[in-house]
Full PDB file with SEQRES, HELIX, SHEET, SSBOND, CRYST1, ORIGX, SCALE, CONECT and MASTER records, all heavy atoms in Angstrom:
SEQRES   1 A   31  TRP VAL CYS GLU HIS ARG TRP ARG GLN ILE SER PRO SER          
SEQRES   2 A   31  PRO THR GLY GLY THR THR ALA ALA THR ARG TRP ARG SER          
SEQRES   3 A   31  ALA GLU ALA ILE LYS                                          
HELIX    1 AA1 GLU A    4  ARG A    6  5                                   3    
HELIX    2 AA2 ALA A   20  ILE A   30  1                                  11    
CRYST1    1.000    1.000    1.000  90.00  90.00  90.00 P 1           1          
ORIGX1      1.000000  0.000000  0.000000        0.00000                         
ORIGX2      0.000000  1.000000  0.000000        0.00000                         
ORIGX3      0.000000  0.000000  1.000000        0.00000                         
SCALE1      1.000000  0.000000  0.000000        0.00000                         
SCALE2      0.000000  1.000000  0.000000        0.00000                         
SCALE3      0.000000  0.000000  1.000000        0.00000                         
ATOM      1  N   TRP A   1      93.909  96.950  86.619  1.00  0.00           N  
ATOM      2  CA  TRP A   1      93.229  97.339  87.863  1.00  0.00           C  
ATOM      3  C   TRP A   1      94.156  98.304  88.579  1.00  0.00           C  
ATOM      4  O   TRP A   1      95.368  98.020  88.716  1.00  0.00           O  
ATOM      5  CB  TRP A   1      92.972  96.052  88.730  1.00  0.00           C  
ATOM      6  CG  TRP A   1      92.084  95.098  88.036  1.00  0.00           C  
ATOM      7  CD1 TRP A   1      92.432  94.057  87.187  1.00  0.00           C  
ATOM      8  CD2 TRP A   1      90.692  95.197  88.084  1.00  0.00           C  
ATOM      9  NE1 TRP A   1      91.326  93.388  86.741  1.00  0.00           N  
ATOM     10  CE2 TRP A   1      90.134  94.114  87.279  1.00  0.00           C  
ATOM     11  CE3 TRP A   1      89.690  96.044  88.598  1.00  0.00           C  
ATOM     12  CZ2 TRP A   1      88.851  93.881  86.889  1.00  0.00           C  
ATOM     13  CZ3 TRP A   1      88.383  95.803  88.312  1.00  0.00           C  
ATOM     14  CH2 TRP A   1      87.931  94.726  87.591  1.00  0.00           C  
ATOM     15  N   VAL A   2      93.608  99.294  89.079  1.00  0.00           N  
ATOM     16  CA  VAL A   2      94.435 100.380  89.787  1.00  0.00           C  
ATOM     17  C   VAL A   2      94.722 100.017  91.389  1.00  0.00           C  
ATOM     18  O   VAL A   2      95.841 100.192  91.745  1.00  0.00           O  
ATOM     19  CB  VAL A   2      93.684 101.715  89.821  1.00  0.00           C  
ATOM     20  CG1 VAL A   2      94.437 102.792  90.529  1.00  0.00           C  
ATOM     21  CG2 VAL A   2      93.448 102.110  88.372  1.00  0.00           C  
ATOM     22  N   CYS A   3      93.735  99.542  91.961  1.00  0.00           N  
ATOM     23  CA  CYS A   3      93.853  99.203  93.405  1.00  0.00           C  
ATOM     24  C   CYS A   3      94.473 100.250  94.269  1.00  0.00           C  
ATOM     25  O   CYS A   3      95.615 100.018  94.942  1.00  0.00           O  
ATOM     26  CB  CYS A   3      94.716  97.858  93.479  1.00  0.00           C  
ATOM     27  SG  CYS A   3      93.893  96.455  92.643  1.00  0.00           S  
ATOM     28  N   GLU A   4      93.834 101.477  94.380  1.00  0.00           N  
ATOM     29  CA  GLU A   4      94.282 102.463  95.092  1.00  0.00           C  
ATOM     30  C   GLU A   4      94.495 101.923  96.682  1.00  0.00           C  
ATOM     31  O   GLU A   4      95.486 102.420  97.342  1.00  0.00           O  
ATOM     32  CB  GLU A   4      93.413 103.688  95.185  1.00  0.00           C  
ATOM     33  CG  GLU A   4      93.319 104.291  93.869  1.00  0.00           C  
ATOM     34  CD  GLU A   4      92.042 103.845  93.095  1.00  0.00           C  
ATOM     35  OE1 GLU A   4      91.851 102.698  93.054  1.00  0.00           O  
ATOM     36  OE2 GLU A   4      91.308 104.671  92.442  1.00  0.00           O  
ATOM     37  N   HIS A   5      93.622 101.015  97.193  1.00  0.00           N  
ATOM     38  CA  HIS A   5      93.720 100.714  98.513  1.00  0.00           C  
ATOM     39  C   HIS A   5      95.025  99.902  98.758  1.00  0.00           C  
ATOM     40  O   HIS A   5      95.312  99.741 100.020  1.00  0.00           O  
ATOM     41  CB  HIS A   5      92.588  99.802  98.823  1.00  0.00           C  
ATOM     42  CG  HIS A   5      92.551  98.320  98.155  1.00  0.00           C  
ATOM     43  ND1 HIS A   5      92.254  98.220  96.862  1.00  0.00           N  
ATOM     44  CD2 HIS A   5      92.893  97.093  98.601  1.00  0.00           C  
ATOM     45  CE1 HIS A   5      92.358  96.968  96.449  1.00  0.00           C  
ATOM     46  NE2 HIS A   5      92.678  96.240  97.566  1.00  0.00           N  
ATOM     47  N   ARG A   6      95.790  99.451  97.824  1.00  0.00           N  
ATOM     48  CA  ARG A   6      96.972  98.788  98.007  1.00  0.00           C  
ATOM     49  C   ARG A   6      98.315  99.753  97.902  1.00  0.00           C  
ATOM     50  O   ARG A   6      99.269  99.395  98.146  1.00  0.00           O  
ATOM     51  CB  ARG A   6      97.271  97.630  96.943  1.00  0.00           C  
ATOM     52  CG  ARG A   6      96.446  96.397  97.283  1.00  0.00           C  
ATOM     53  CD  ARG A   6      96.639  95.359  96.261  1.00  0.00           C  
ATOM     54  NE  ARG A   6      96.246  94.017  96.740  1.00  0.00           N  
ATOM     55  CZ  ARG A   6      97.100  93.006  97.079  1.00  0.00           C  
ATOM     56  NH1 ARG A   6      98.301  93.220  97.151  1.00  0.00           N  
ATOM     57  NH2 ARG A   6      96.610  91.925  97.584  1.00  0.00           N  
ATOM     58  N   TRP A   7      97.972 100.941  97.602  1.00  0.00           N  
ATOM     59  CA  TRP A   7      99.039 101.957  97.460  1.00  0.00           C  
ATOM     60  C   TRP A   7      99.565 102.167  98.945  1.00  0.00           C  
ATOM     61  O   TRP A   7      98.971 102.315  99.897  1.00  0.00           O  
ATOM     62  CB  TRP A   7      98.510 103.314  97.050  1.00  0.00           C  
ATOM     63  CG  TRP A   7      98.143 103.256  95.527  1.00  0.00           C  
ATOM     64  CD1 TRP A   7      98.312 102.237  94.674  1.00  0.00           C  
ATOM     65  CD2 TRP A   7      97.687 104.452  94.789  1.00  0.00           C  
ATOM     66  NE1 TRP A   7      97.823 102.660  93.467  1.00  0.00           N  
ATOM     67  CE2 TRP A   7      97.546 103.928  93.440  1.00  0.00           C  
ATOM     68  CE3 TRP A   7      97.505 105.760  95.051  1.00  0.00           C  
ATOM     69  CZ2 TRP A   7      97.012 104.824  92.360  1.00  0.00           C  
ATOM     70  CZ3 TRP A   7      97.028 106.612  94.046  1.00  0.00           C  
ATOM     71  CH2 TRP A   7      96.729 106.067  92.817  1.00  0.00           C  
ATOM     72  N   ARG A   8     100.966 102.208  98.945  1.00  0.00           N  
ATOM     73  CA  ARG A   8     101.747 102.160 100.233  1.00  0.00           C  
ATOM     74  C   ARG A   8     101.280 103.350 101.090  1.00  0.00           C  
ATOM     75  O   ARG A   8     100.991 103.254 102.322  1.00  0.00           O  
ATOM     76  CB  ARG A   8     103.265 102.261  99.897  1.00  0.00           C  
ATOM     77  CG  ARG A   8     104.046 102.342 101.164  1.00  0.00           C  
ATOM     78  CD  ARG A   8     105.522 102.352 100.817  1.00  0.00           C  
ATOM     79  NE  ARG A   8     105.941 103.489  99.879  1.00  0.00           N  
ATOM     80  CZ  ARG A   8     106.037 104.756 100.273  1.00  0.00           C  
ATOM     81  NH1 ARG A   8     106.019 105.106 101.472  1.00  0.00           N  
ATOM     82  NH2 ARG A   8     106.335 105.553  99.191  1.00  0.00           N  
ATOM     83  N   GLN A   9     101.017 104.503 100.483  1.00  0.00           N  
ATOM     84  CA  GLN A   9     100.622 105.719 101.270  1.00  0.00           C  
ATOM     85  C   GLN A   9      99.270 105.643 101.735  1.00  0.00           C  
ATOM     86  O   GLN A   9      98.813 106.381 102.745  1.00  0.00           O  
ATOM     87  CB  GLN A   9     100.821 106.949 100.407  1.00  0.00           C  
ATOM     88  CG  GLN A   9     102.257 107.274  99.973  1.00  0.00           C  
ATOM     89  CD  GLN A   9     102.580 106.447  98.696  1.00  0.00           C  
ATOM     90  OE1 GLN A   9     101.837 105.594  98.235  1.00  0.00           O  
ATOM     91  NE2 GLN A   9     103.705 106.834  98.022  1.00  0.00           N  
ATOM     92  N   ILE A  10      98.411 104.842 101.272  1.00  0.00           N  
ATOM     93  CA  ILE A  10      96.999 104.634 101.675  1.00  0.00           C  
ATOM     94  C   ILE A  10      96.883 103.502 102.661  1.00  0.00           C  
ATOM     95  O   ILE A  10      96.033 103.606 103.752  1.00  0.00           O  
ATOM     96  CB  ILE A  10      96.040 104.503 100.463  1.00  0.00           C  
ATOM     97  CG1 ILE A  10      96.100 105.734  99.720  1.00  0.00           C  
ATOM     98  CG2 ILE A  10      94.723 103.890 100.944  1.00  0.00           C  
ATOM     99  CD1 ILE A  10      95.156 105.645  98.426  1.00  0.00           C  
ATOM    100  N   SER A  11      97.606 102.372 102.483  1.00  0.00           N  
ATOM    101  CA  SER A  11      97.615 101.198 103.476  1.00  0.00           C  
ATOM    102  C   SER A  11      99.009 100.936 103.856  1.00  0.00           C  
ATOM    103  O   SER A  11      99.450  99.906 103.297  1.00  0.00           O  
ATOM    104  CB  SER A  11      96.743 100.028 102.880  1.00  0.00           C  
ATOM    105  OG  SER A  11      96.676  99.097 103.831  1.00  0.00           O  
ATOM    106  N   PRO A  12      99.671 101.722 104.607  1.00  0.00           N  
ATOM    107  CA  PRO A  12     101.198 101.588 104.684  1.00  0.00           C  
ATOM    108  C   PRO A  12     101.575 100.504 105.721  1.00  0.00           C  
ATOM    109  O   PRO A  12     102.809 100.204 105.689  1.00  0.00           O  
ATOM    110  CB  PRO A  12     101.581 102.980 105.077  1.00  0.00           C  
ATOM    111  CG  PRO A  12     100.403 103.475 105.851  1.00  0.00           C  
ATOM    112  CD  PRO A  12      99.261 102.794 105.275  1.00  0.00           C  
ATOM    113  N   SER A  13     100.776  99.968 106.557  1.00  0.00           N  
ATOM    114  CA  SER A  13     101.196  99.319 107.730  1.00  0.00           C  
ATOM    115  C   SER A  13     100.692  97.763 107.551  1.00  0.00           C  
ATOM    116  O   SER A  13      99.526  97.500 107.417  1.00  0.00           O  
ATOM    117  CB  SER A  13     100.613  99.914 109.038  1.00  0.00           C  
ATOM    118  OG  SER A  13     100.909  98.997 110.045  1.00  0.00           O  
ATOM    119  N   PRO A  14     101.639  96.897 107.761  1.00  0.00           N  
ATOM    120  CA  PRO A  14     101.220  95.369 107.734  1.00  0.00           C  
ATOM    121  C   PRO A  14     100.419  95.089 108.899  1.00  0.00           C  
ATOM    122  O   PRO A  14      99.833  94.018 108.899  1.00  0.00           O  
ATOM    123  CB  PRO A  14     102.587  94.725 107.742  1.00  0.00           C  
ATOM    124  CG  PRO A  14     103.552  95.710 108.429  1.00  0.00           C  
ATOM    125  CD  PRO A  14     103.115  97.054 107.960  1.00  0.00           C  
ATOM    126  N   THR A  15     100.368  95.873 109.922  1.00  0.00           N  
ATOM    127  CA  THR A  15      99.476  95.696 111.041  1.00  0.00           C  
ATOM    128  C   THR A  15      98.073  96.490 111.071  1.00  0.00           C  
ATOM    129  O   THR A  15      97.384  96.357 111.927  1.00  0.00           O  
ATOM    130  CB  THR A  15     100.247  96.132 112.330  1.00  0.00           C  
ATOM    131  OG1 THR A  15     100.462  97.352 112.323  1.00  0.00           O  
ATOM    132  CG2 THR A  15     101.452  95.223 112.562  1.00  0.00           C  
ATOM    133  N   GLY A  16      97.991  97.063 109.834  1.00  0.00           N  
ATOM    134  CA  GLY A  16      96.656  97.741 109.786  1.00  0.00           C  
ATOM    135  C   GLY A  16      96.692  99.323 109.443  1.00  0.00           C  
ATOM    136  O   GLY A  16      96.627 100.009 110.445  1.00  0.00           O  
ATOM    137  N   GLY A  17      96.916  99.659 108.306  1.00  0.00           N  
ATOM    138  CA  GLY A  17      97.054 101.120 107.989  1.00  0.00           C  
ATOM    139  C   GLY A  17      95.795 101.907 108.105  1.00  0.00           C  
ATOM    140  O   GLY A  17      95.911 103.049 108.234  1.00  0.00           O  
ATOM    141  N   THR A  18      94.617 101.273 108.294  1.00  0.00           N  
ATOM    142  CA  THR A  18      93.473 101.954 108.371  1.00  0.00           C  
ATOM    143  C   THR A  18      92.694 101.703 109.762  1.00  0.00           C  
ATOM    144  O   THR A  18      91.588 101.835 109.902  1.00  0.00           O  
ATOM    145  CB  THR A  18      92.524 101.604 107.249  1.00  0.00           C  
ATOM    146  OG1 THR A  18      92.277 100.014 107.220  1.00  0.00           O  
ATOM    147  CG2 THR A  18      92.976 102.046 105.913  1.00  0.00           C  
ATOM    148  N   THR A  19      93.482 101.168 110.749  1.00  0.00           N  
ATOM    149  CA  THR A  19      92.877 100.804 112.063  1.00  0.00           C  
ATOM    150  C   THR A  19      92.658 102.211 112.766  1.00  0.00           C  
ATOM    151  O   THR A  19      93.113 103.120 112.415  1.00  0.00           O  
ATOM    152  CB  THR A  19      93.729  99.950 112.776  1.00  0.00           C  
ATOM    153  OG1 THR A  19      94.974 100.611 113.070  1.00  0.00           O  
ATOM    154  CG2 THR A  19      94.130  98.618 112.152  1.00  0.00           C  
ATOM    155  N   ALA A  20      91.814 101.948 113.790  1.00  0.00           N  
ATOM    156  CA  ALA A  20      91.427 103.126 114.524  1.00  0.00           C  
ATOM    157  C   ALA A  20      92.618 103.860 115.211  1.00  0.00           C  
ATOM    158  O   ALA A  20      92.746 105.065 115.230  1.00  0.00           O  
ATOM    159  CB  ALA A  20      90.376 102.799 115.708  1.00  0.00           C  
ATOM    160  N   ALA A  21      93.449 103.025 115.780  1.00  0.00           N  
ATOM    161  CA  ALA A  21      94.632 103.709 116.394  1.00  0.00           C  
ATOM    162  C   ALA A  21      95.483 104.449 115.473  1.00  0.00           C  
ATOM    163  O   ALA A  21      95.965 105.537 115.689  1.00  0.00           O  
ATOM    164  CB  ALA A  21      95.441 102.497 117.010  1.00  0.00           C  
ATOM    165  N   THR A  22      95.654 103.929 114.211  1.00  0.00           N  
ATOM    166  CA  THR A  22      96.537 104.619 113.227  1.00  0.00           C  
ATOM    167  C   THR A  22      95.760 105.964 112.808  1.00  0.00           C  
ATOM    168  O   THR A  22      96.378 106.958 112.626  1.00  0.00           O  
ATOM    169  CB  THR A  22      96.733 103.725 112.142  1.00  0.00           C  
ATOM    170  OG1 THR A  22      97.290 102.636 112.441  1.00  0.00           O  
ATOM    171  CG2 THR A  22      97.611 104.413 110.954  1.00  0.00           C  
ATOM    172  N   ARG A  23      94.438 105.902 112.580  1.00  0.00           N  
ATOM    173  CA  ARG A  23      93.691 107.046 112.319  1.00  0.00           C  
ATOM    174  C   ARG A  23      93.920 108.126 113.303  1.00  0.00           C  
ATOM    175  O   ARG A  23      94.191 109.387 113.014  1.00  0.00           O  
ATOM    176  CB  ARG A  23      92.284 106.778 112.114  1.00  0.00           C  
ATOM    177  CG  ARG A  23      91.819 106.120 110.787  1.00  0.00           C  
ATOM    178  CD  ARG A  23      90.283 105.991 110.646  1.00  0.00           C  
ATOM    179  NE  ARG A  23      89.654 107.269 110.486  1.00  0.00           N  
ATOM    180  CZ  ARG A  23      88.424 107.447 110.675  1.00  0.00           C  
ATOM    181  NH1 ARG A  23      87.555 106.511 110.878  1.00  0.00           N  
ATOM    182  NH2 ARG A  23      87.750 108.652 110.468  1.00  0.00           N  
ATOM    183  N   TRP A  24      93.667 107.811 114.591  1.00  0.00           N  
ATOM    184  CA  TRP A  24      93.747 108.757 115.614  1.00  0.00           C  
ATOM    185  C   TRP A  24      95.204 109.259 115.884  1.00  0.00           C  
ATOM    186  O   TRP A  24      95.348 110.525 116.093  1.00  0.00           O  
ATOM    187  CB  TRP A  24      93.135 108.212 116.956  1.00  0.00           C  
ATOM    188  CG  TRP A  24      91.680 108.164 116.887  1.00  0.00           C  
ATOM    189  CD1 TRP A  24      90.951 107.150 116.544  1.00  0.00           C  
ATOM    190  CD2 TRP A  24      90.841 109.261 117.199  1.00  0.00           C  
ATOM    191  NE1 TRP A  24      89.560 107.550 116.490  1.00  0.00           N  
ATOM    192  CE2 TRP A  24      89.403 108.795 116.999  1.00  0.00           C  
ATOM    193  CE3 TRP A  24      91.015 110.600 117.557  1.00  0.00           C  
ATOM    194  CZ2 TRP A  24      88.386 109.610 117.200  1.00  0.00           C  
ATOM    195  CZ3 TRP A  24      89.883 111.375 117.845  1.00  0.00           C  
ATOM    196  CH2 TRP A  24      88.507 110.888 117.519  1.00  0.00           C  
ATOM    197  N   ARG A  25      96.116 108.505 115.679  1.00  0.00           N  
ATOM    198  CA  ARG A  25      97.447 109.021 115.859  1.00  0.00           C  
ATOM    199  C   ARG A  25      97.902 110.032 114.737  1.00  0.00           C  
ATOM    200  O   ARG A  25      98.395 111.047 114.863  1.00  0.00           O  
ATOM    201  CB  ARG A  25      98.560 107.916 115.872  1.00  0.00           C  
ATOM    202  CG  ARG A  25      98.703 107.040 117.048  1.00  0.00           C  
ATOM    203  CD  ARG A  25      99.969 106.281 117.078  1.00  0.00           C  
ATOM    204  NE  ARG A  25     100.044 105.288 115.964  1.00  0.00           N  
ATOM    205  CZ  ARG A  25      99.583 104.147 115.872  1.00  0.00           C  
ATOM    206  NH1 ARG A  25      98.970 103.627 116.894  1.00  0.00           N  
ATOM    207  NH2 ARG A  25      99.817 103.369 114.867  1.00  0.00           N  
ATOM    208  N   SER A  26      97.380 109.557 113.490  1.00  0.00           N  
ATOM    209  CA  SER A  26      97.629 110.570 112.298  1.00  0.00           C  
ATOM    210  C   SER A  26      96.866 111.905 112.602  1.00  0.00           C  
ATOM    211  O   SER A  26      97.236 112.795 111.995  1.00  0.00           O  
ATOM    212  CB  SER A  26      97.291 109.772 111.001  1.00  0.00           C  
ATOM    213  OG  SER A  26      98.025 108.685 110.890  1.00  0.00           O  
ATOM    214  N   ALA A  27      95.691 111.713 113.146  1.00  0.00           N  
ATOM    215  CA  ALA A  27      94.884 112.941 113.387  1.00  0.00           C  
ATOM    216  C   ALA A  27      95.579 113.955 114.078  1.00  0.00           C  
ATOM    217  O   ALA A  27      95.540 115.171 113.852  1.00  0.00           O  
ATOM    218  CB  ALA A  27      93.480 112.543 114.129  1.00  0.00           C  
ATOM    219  N   GLU A  28      96.482 113.535 115.112  1.00  0.00           N  
ATOM    220  CA  GLU A  28      97.189 114.466 115.998  1.00  0.00           C  
ATOM    221  C   GLU A  28      98.073 115.273 114.984  1.00  0.00           C  
ATOM    222  O   GLU A  28      98.319 116.507 115.143  1.00  0.00           O  
ATOM    223  CB  GLU A  28      97.790 113.842 117.082  1.00  0.00           C  
ATOM    224  CG  GLU A  28      96.909 113.255 117.988  1.00  0.00           C  
ATOM    225  CD  GLU A  28      95.901 114.344 118.588  1.00  0.00           C  
ATOM    226  OE1 GLU A  28      96.331 115.433 119.104  1.00  0.00           O  
ATOM    227  OE2 GLU A  28      94.706 114.040 118.637  1.00  0.00           O  
ATOM    228  N   ALA A  29      98.789 114.471 114.088  1.00  0.00           N  
ATOM    229  CA  ALA A  29      99.781 115.132 113.170  1.00  0.00           C  
ATOM    230  C   ALA A  29      99.025 116.084 112.291  1.00  0.00           C  
ATOM    231  O   ALA A  29      99.632 117.132 111.891  1.00  0.00           O  
ATOM    232  CB  ALA A  29     100.438 114.010 112.463  1.00  0.00           C  
ATOM    233  N   ILE A  30      97.852 115.752 111.790  1.00  0.00           N  
ATOM    234  CA  ILE A  30      97.036 116.515 110.924  1.00  0.00           C  
ATOM    235  C   ILE A  30      96.837 117.824 111.598  1.00  0.00           C  
ATOM    236  O   ILE A  30      96.848 118.932 111.112  1.00  0.00           O  
ATOM    237  CB  ILE A  30      95.867 115.861 110.399  1.00  0.00           C  
ATOM    238  CG1 ILE A  30      96.194 114.562 109.471  1.00  0.00           C  
ATOM    239  CG2 ILE A  30      94.764 116.831 109.779  1.00  0.00           C  
ATOM    240  CD1 ILE A  30      96.722 115.131 108.125  1.00  0.00           C  
ATOM    241  N   LYS A  31      96.268 117.764 112.836  1.00  0.00           N  
ATOM    242  CA  LYS A  31      95.951 118.909 113.533  1.00  0.00           C  
ATOM    243  C   LYS A  31      97.133 119.875 113.707  1.00  0.00           C  
ATOM    244  O   LYS A  31      97.128 121.102 113.595  1.00  0.00           O  
ATOM    245  CB  LYS A  31      95.491 118.659 114.912  1.00  0.00           C  
ATOM    246  CG  LYS A  31      93.990 117.942 114.861  1.00  0.00           C  
ATOM    247  CD  LYS A  31      93.670 117.446 116.267  1.00  0.00           C  
ATOM    248  CE  LYS A  31      92.275 116.708 116.028  1.00  0.00           C  
ATOM    249  NZ  LYS A  31      91.844 116.212 117.609  1.00  0.00           N  
TER     250      LYS A  31                                                      
MASTER        0    0    0    2    0    0    0    6  249    1    0    3          
END                                                                             
C-alpha cells in the first residue's frame, strides 16, 4: 500500500495538516 495521504509533506502536522487554517496560511506562501 502506498498511502500518499500519510506522506509527511502531504499531512505534515499532528494537529491537522489539511485543516482550513493550514490551507489558508500556506496559500499566502504560494501567492
